[in-house]
Amino acid sequence: MDALAWLIPAALALGGVGLLAFMWSLRSGQYDDLDGAAQRILTDDDDRPA
């Protein structure tokens, strides 16, 4: 039973940290251009001379 006294607050704290990290990523614009990354993989960046 002593383990639950430590594990429940630890789980809530880790969940809160994860939520804060997700909110930070939303505010910093990490998810603004979802289609750009999908299209960028299709372009050929091998413009280097042989």
Protein backbone atom coordinates (compact mmCIF):
# COMPACT_ATOMS: atom_id res chain seq x y z
CA MET A 1 0.00 0.00 0.00
CA ASP A 2 2.97 2.30 0.55
CA ALA A 3 3.88 1.88 -3.10
CA LEU A 4 0.56 3.36 -4.20
CA ALA A 5 1.23 6.42 -2.08
CA TRP A 6 4.27 7.07 -4.27
CA LEU A 7 3.10 5.71 -7.61
CA ILE A 8 -0.17 7.64 -7.90
CA PRO A 9 1.38 11.10 -7.39
CA ALA A 10 4.31 10.13 -9.60
CA ALA A 11 1.93 9.07 -12.38
CA LEU A 12 -0.06 12.28 -12.03
CA ALA A 13 3.12 14.36 -12.09
CA LEU A 14 4.42 12.60 -15.21
CA GLY A 15 1.04 13.03 -16.89
CA GLY A 16 1.15 16.74 -16.05
CA VAL A 17 4.65 17.06 -17.49
CA GLY A 18 3.48 15.34 -20.67
CA LEU A 19 0.49 17.65 -20.90
CA LEU A 20 2.69 20.71 -20.42
CA ALA A 21 5.08 19.49 -23.13
CA PHE A 22 2.17 18.96 -25.51
CA MET A 23 0.76 22.42 -24.79
CA TRP A 24 4.23 23.95 -25.35
CA SER A 25 4.52 22.18 -28.71
CA LEU A 26 1.10 23.49 -29.75
CA ARG A 27 2.00 27.06 -28.84
CA SER A 28 5.40 26.93 -30.54
CA GLY A 29 3.84 25.93 -33.87
CA GLN A 30 5.04 22.34 -34.17
CA TYR A 31 1.75 21.25 -35.77
CA ASP A 32 1.08 24.25 -38.03
CA ASP A 33 2.25 22.81 -41.36
CA LEU A 34 1.34 19.12 -41.44
CA ASP A 35 1.12 18.93 -45.23
CA GLY A 36 4.52 20.55 -45.80
CA ALA A 37 6.46 17.64 -44.30
CA ALA A 38 4.40 15.15 -46.28
CA GLN A 39 5.15 16.97 -49.55
CA ARG A 40 8.79 17.64 -48.72
CA ILE A 41 9.58 13.91 -48.64
CA LEU A 42 8.46 13.62 -52.26
CA THR A 43 10.83 16.27 -53.64
CA ASP A 44 14.22 15.29 -54.99
CA ASP A 45 17.03 17.10 -53.20
CA ASP A 46 19.83 15.43 -55.17
CA ASP A 47 20.82 18.53 -57.15
CA ARG A 48 24.50 17.93 -56.47
CA PRO A 49 26.79 17.46 -59.50
CA ALA A 50 28.04 13.92 -60.00
